Amino acid sequence: MLDQKDLETKAREMQRGLQAKLGVQGRDVSHALARAGRRLPARVRREGKVFAQAAFMARNPKMARRLEGATVQSAYAVSYTHLTLPTS
């Protein structure tokens, strides 16, 4: 089961990664991903959007029950891995 605090922590980490790698800031993860736009590969954008939607849904307890943990975890892993890999 995904915890709201866990998702908030991961969202902050992803925002920091976007800031560090691309210099993109936003009020939340979805805004930062939108500002990054095509500087991210399509797969990372798609998975980032899945994670941002999950972070938004986690704020509401009834909506949080609908989240699939494995899907959200894999979306976070793909996005965050890309953001933490060093550039060549």
Protein backbone atom coordinates (compact mmCIF):
# COMPACT_ATOMS: atom_id res chain seq x y z
CA MET A 1 0.00 0.00 0.00
CA LEU A 2 1.28 3.41 -0.92
CA ASP A 3 1.46 6.01 1.78
CA GLN A 4 0.73 9.70 1.17
CA LYS A 5 3.92 10.76 2.95
CA ASP A 6 5.95 8.33 0.86
CA LEU A 7 4.53 9.72 -2.37
CA GLU A 8 5.09 13.31 -1.22
CA THR A 9 8.71 12.50 -0.42
CA LYS A 10 9.23 10.87 -3.80
CA ALA A 11 7.53 13.79 -5.53
CA ARG A 12 9.92 16.22 -3.83
CA GLU A 13 12.88 14.04 -4.85
CA MET A 14 11.68 14.02 -8.44
CA GLN A 15 11.25 17.79 -8.39
CA ARG A 16 14.80 18.18 -7.08
CA GLY A 17 16.03 15.87 -9.84
CA LEU A 18 14.27 17.94 -12.50
CA GLN A 19 15.78 21.08 -11.00
CA ALA A 20 19.28 19.62 -10.88
CA LYS A 21 19.34 17.99 -14.30
CA LEU A 22 17.24 20.35 -16.41
CA GLY A 23 16.97 23.52 -14.34
CA VAL A 24 13.18 23.21 -14.32
CA GLN A 25 11.08 24.52 -11.46
CA GLY A 26 7.38 24.16 -10.83
CA ARG A 27 4.80 24.39 -8.09
CA ASP A 28 4.44 20.59 -8.08
CA VAL A 29 5.73 17.56 -9.98
CA SER A 30 3.20 17.73 -12.79
CA HIS A 31 3.95 21.41 -13.41
CA ALA A 32 7.70 20.76 -13.41
CA LEU A 33 7.28 17.85 -15.84
CA ALA A 34 5.16 20.01 -18.13
CA ARG A 35 7.84 22.70 -18.10
CA ALA A 36 10.52 20.11 -18.91
CA GLY A 37 8.50 19.13 -21.96
CA ARG A 38 10.43 17.60 -24.81
CA ARG A 39 13.75 17.78 -22.98
CA LEU A 40 12.72 14.45 -21.47
CA PRO A 41 12.40 11.25 -23.51
CA ALA A 42 8.83 10.19 -24.33
CA ARG A 43 8.90 7.19 -21.98
CA VAL A 44 10.12 9.30 -19.06
CA ARG A 45 7.45 11.94 -19.76
CA ARG A 46 4.75 9.27 -19.88
CA GLU A 47 5.88 7.56 -16.68
CA GLY A 48 6.37 10.91 -14.97
CA LYS A 49 2.80 11.83 -15.82
CA VAL A 50 1.59 8.54 -14.26
CA PHE A 51 3.53 9.29 -11.10
CA ALA A 52 2.33 12.91 -10.93
CA GLN A 53 -1.29 11.76 -11.26
CA ALA A 54 -0.73 9.24 -8.45
CA ALA A 55 0.82 11.93 -6.22
CA PHE A 56 -2.24 14.11 -6.82
CA MET A 57 -4.67 11.25 -6.12
CA ALA A 58 -2.84 10.31 -2.92
CA ARG A 59 -3.97 13.56 -1.32
CA ASN A 60 -7.54 12.26 -1.17
CA PRO A 61 -7.95 9.11 0.97
CA LYS A 62 -10.71 7.61 -1.17
CA MET A 63 -8.78 8.17 -4.38
CA ALA A 64 -5.59 6.87 -2.80
CA ARG A 65 -7.18 3.45 -2.38
CA ARG A 66 -7.52 3.20 -6.17
CA LEU A 67 -3.78 3.50 -6.79
CA GLU A 68 -1.86 0.43 -7.91
CA GLY A 69 1.39 0.26 -6.01
CA ALA A 70 3.41 -1.61 -8.62
CA THR A 71 2.44 0.77 -11.42
CA VAL A 72 3.30 3.85 -9.39
CA GLN A 73 6.59 2.36 -8.18
CA SER A 74 7.70 1.44 -11.70
CA ALA A 75 6.71 4.89 -13.00
CA TYR A 76 8.76 6.52 -10.25
CA ALA A 77 11.71 4.20 -10.86
CA VAL A 78 11.85 4.94 -14.60
CA SER A 79 11.54 8.69 -14.12
CA TYR A 80 13.88 9.06 -11.19
CA THR A 81 16.51 6.77 -12.70
CA HIS A 82 16.66 8.94 -15.79
CA LEU A 83 16.98 12.08 -13.68
CA THR A 84 19.79 10.71 -11.51
CA LEU A 85 21.92 9.20 -14.27
CA PRO A 86 24.93 11.35 -15.10
CA THR A 87 24.90 12.99 -18.52
CA SER A 88 27.62 12.09 -20.97
